[in-house]
Amino acid sequence: MDNAACEKLYDACYMRVFSYAMTLTRDRHLAEEITQETFFRAFAKINSFRGESDEVTWLCAIAKNLFADEKRRQSRFGELPEDAAAPQPAVEQAVAEREDSFRVHLALHAMEEPYREVFELRVFGELSFQQIGTIFARTENWARVTFHRARVKLRERMENA
């Protein structure tokens, strides 16, 4: 693959891979490192890419493996911070907890569309992003981004409440 093709792949996929790495790590610095290493390894092994999946899927698999390697390295050398063993509860888990459920529903009720509906379809309706995209006559990616934004908005409202 030539430099122009590598640059095009990087430009097209960087934010998606970085967002995925942020989801895994919850640490901007580590996510940036994993993203950069992902592209470095991908470009070094681009000829081994068989095309059986989307490039983003391939890149995210590399990022996931790098994250797993990092977690193993940290645990081997005792570098895990104290709060790493107890991950932050997701918004979906807060819904499951009885005492927070009402507050979550109040915050959801005040949330603007389409964020509220996308969140409800994903969490309560257990629909896939593809199905949500179809309902709104949009793409699966749109559904993922909208759901992510809804989670961020909901988290902010819950912290401010």
Protein backbone atom coordinates (compact mmCIF):
# COMPACT_ATOMS: atom_id res chain seq x y z
CA MET A 1 0.00 0.00 0.00
CA ASP A 2 1.42 3.38 -0.91
CA ASN A 3 1.67 6.39 1.38
CA ALA A 4 -1.38 8.10 -0.10
CA ALA A 5 -3.55 5.03 0.51
CA CYS A 6 -2.23 4.73 4.08
CA GLU A 7 -2.96 8.39 4.70
CA LYS A 8 -6.47 8.00 3.31
CA LEU A 9 -7.13 4.99 5.57
CA TYR A 10 -5.76 6.89 8.56
CA ASP A 11 -7.91 9.95 7.86
CA ALA A 12 -11.03 7.84 7.31
CA CYS A 13 -10.66 5.61 10.36
CA TYR A 14 -8.69 7.52 13.00
CA MET A 15 -11.63 8.91 15.00
CA ARG A 16 -13.51 5.61 15.00
CA VAL A 17 -10.46 3.69 16.22
CA PHE A 18 -9.63 6.39 18.78
CA SER A 19 -13.24 6.39 20.06
CA TYR A 20 -13.11 2.63 20.41
CA ALA A 21 -9.80 2.86 22.28
CA MET A 22 -11.31 5.52 24.58
CA THR A 23 -14.19 3.18 25.32
CA LEU A 24 -11.74 0.46 26.29
CA THR A 25 -9.27 2.54 28.27
CA ARG A 26 -11.22 5.52 29.62
CA ASP A 27 -7.86 7.28 29.48
CA ARG A 28 -7.18 9.77 26.70
CA HIS A 29 -3.40 9.39 26.80
CA LEU A 30 -3.51 5.59 26.67
CA ALA A 31 -6.20 5.67 23.97
CA GLU A 32 -4.00 7.92 21.83
CA GLU A 33 -1.03 5.58 22.30
CA ILE A 34 -3.11 2.52 21.42
CA THR A 35 -4.56 4.26 18.36
CA GLN A 36 -1.13 5.27 17.08
CA GLU A 37 0.29 1.79 17.68
CA THR A 38 -2.76 0.29 15.96
CA PHE A 39 -2.09 2.23 12.77
CA PHE A 40 1.65 1.55 12.98
CA ARG A 41 1.04 -2.20 13.16
CA ALA A 42 -1.69 -2.10 10.55
CA PHE A 43 0.53 -0.30 8.04
CA ALA A 44 3.39 -2.68 8.76
CA LYS A 45 1.13 -5.68 8.09
CA ILE A 46 -1.22 -4.18 5.49
CA ASN A 47 -0.35 -6.91 3.00
CA SER A 48 -1.68 -9.55 5.42
CA PHE A 49 -5.12 -7.89 5.50
CA ARG A 50 -7.35 -10.39 3.70
CA GLY A 51 -10.35 -8.10 3.32
CA GLU A 52 -12.71 -10.53 5.05
CA SER A 53 -13.95 -7.67 7.22
CA ASP A 54 -14.20 -3.92 7.08
CA GLU A 55 -10.95 -2.00 7.63
CA VAL A 56 -12.34 -0.38 10.78
CA THR A 57 -13.22 -3.81 12.20
CA TRP A 58 -9.69 -5.00 11.48
CA LEU A 59 -8.18 -1.89 13.07
CA CYS A 60 -10.41 -2.18 16.15
CA ALA A 61 -9.37 -5.83 16.56
CA ILE A 62 -5.74 -4.68 16.57
CA ALA A 63 -6.59 -1.97 19.12
CA LYS A 64 -8.40 -4.51 21.31
CA ASN A 65 -5.38 -6.82 21.26
CA LEU A 66 -3.05 -3.93 22.11
CA PHE A 67 -5.31 -2.98 25.02
CA ALA A 68 -5.29 -6.57 26.28
CA ASP A 69 -1.49 -6.62 26.02
CA GLU A 70 -1.31 -3.37 27.98
CA LYS A 71 -3.60 -4.70 30.73
CA ARG A 72 -1.46 -7.85 31.02
CA ARG A 73 1.70 -5.78 31.15
CA GLN A 74 0.27 -3.48 33.81
CA SER A 75 -0.95 -6.34 35.97
CA ARG A 76 2.39 -8.15 35.63
CA PHE A 77 4.29 -5.09 36.79
CA GLY A 78 1.75 -3.94 39.35
CA GLU A 79 0.93 -0.70 37.55
CA LEU A 80 -2.83 -0.91 37.82
CA PRO A 81 -4.33 2.06 39.60
CA GLU A 82 -6.59 1.25 42.55
CA ASP A 83 -9.78 2.15 40.69
CA ALA A 84 -8.92 0.05 37.61
CA ALA A 85 -10.25 -3.11 39.25
CA ALA A 86 -13.66 -1.50 39.70
CA PRO A 87 -14.71 -0.03 36.35
CA GLN A 88 -17.04 2.95 36.30
CA PRO A 89 -20.65 1.81 36.17
CA ALA A 90 -22.24 2.36 32.79
CA VAL A 91 -25.42 4.36 32.43
CA GLU A 92 -27.20 1.13 31.52
CA GLN A 93 -26.25 -0.35 34.90
CA ALA A 94 -27.63 2.71 36.66
CA VAL A 95 -30.97 2.02 35.00
CA ALA A 96 -30.95 -1.47 36.48
CA GLU A 97 -30.38 -0.16 39.99
CA ARG A 98 -33.70 0.51 41.59
CA GLU A 99 -32.85 3.64 43.52
CA ASP A 100 -31.35 5.42 40.51
CA SER A 101 -33.99 4.27 38.08
CA PHE A 102 -36.43 7.09 38.76
CA ARG A 103 -33.71 9.76 38.47
CA VAL A 104 -32.59 8.26 35.18
CA HIS A 105 -36.14 8.30 33.85
CA LEU A 106 -36.57 11.92 34.89
CA ALA A 107 -33.34 12.85 33.12
CA LEU A 108 -34.39 10.87 30.05
CA HIS A 109 -37.79 12.56 30.00
CA ALA A 110 -36.09 15.96 29.83
CA MET A 111 -33.67 14.88 27.09
CA GLU A 112 -34.29 16.15 23.58
CA GLU A 113 -35.01 13.93 20.59
CA PRO A 114 -33.59 11.87 18.93
CA TYR A 115 -31.21 11.18 21.82
CA ARG A 116 -33.94 10.02 24.18
CA GLU A 117 -35.55 7.66 21.70
CA VAL A 118 -32.25 6.18 20.51
CA PHE A 119 -31.16 5.57 24.10
CA GLU A 120 -34.48 3.98 25.01
CA LEU A 121 -34.51 1.77 21.92
CA ARG A 122 -30.99 0.56 22.63
CA VAL A 123 -31.23 0.07 26.41
CA PHE A 124 -34.87 -0.78 27.03
CA GLY A 125 -35.77 -2.13 23.59
CA GLU A 126 -32.45 -3.99 23.25
CA LEU A 127 -32.31 -3.17 19.54
CA SER A 128 -29.10 -3.31 17.53
CA PHE A 129 -27.60 -0.13 16.12
CA GLN A 130 -28.48 -1.40 12.64
CA GLN A 131 -32.14 -1.72 13.66
CA ILE A 132 -32.15 1.72 15.27
CA GLY A 133 -30.59 3.22 12.14
CA THR A 134 -33.28 1.59 10.03
CA ILE A 135 -36.05 2.98 12.24
CA PHE A 136 -34.72 6.51 11.75
CA ALA A 137 -33.85 5.92 8.07
CA ARG A 138 -30.21 6.63 8.94
CA THR A 139 -27.00 4.62 9.07
CA GLU A 140 -25.82 2.26 11.77
CA ASN A 141 -22.98 4.70 12.43
CA TRP A 142 -25.46 7.51 13.02
CA ALA A 143 -27.24 5.32 15.59
CA ARG A 144 -23.94 4.58 17.37
CA VAL A 145 -22.92 8.23 17.51
CA THR A 146 -26.37 9.36 18.65
CA PHE A 147 -26.43 6.69 21.36
CA HIS A 148 -22.97 7.73 22.55
CA ARG A 149 -24.03 11.38 22.68
CA ALA A 150 -27.19 10.43 24.55
CA ARG A 151 -25.11 8.55 27.14
CA VAL A 152 -22.84 11.57 27.58
CA LYS A 153 -25.82 13.90 27.97
CA LEU A 154 -27.49 11.53 30.42
CA ARG A 155 -24.30 11.17 32.46
CA GLU A 156 -23.96 14.96 32.63
CA ARG A 157 -27.57 15.38 33.74
CA MET A 158 -27.16 12.67 36.37
CA GLU A 159 -24.02 14.33 37.75
CA ASN A 160 -25.68 17.73 37.86
CA ALA A 161 -28.87 16.45 39.48
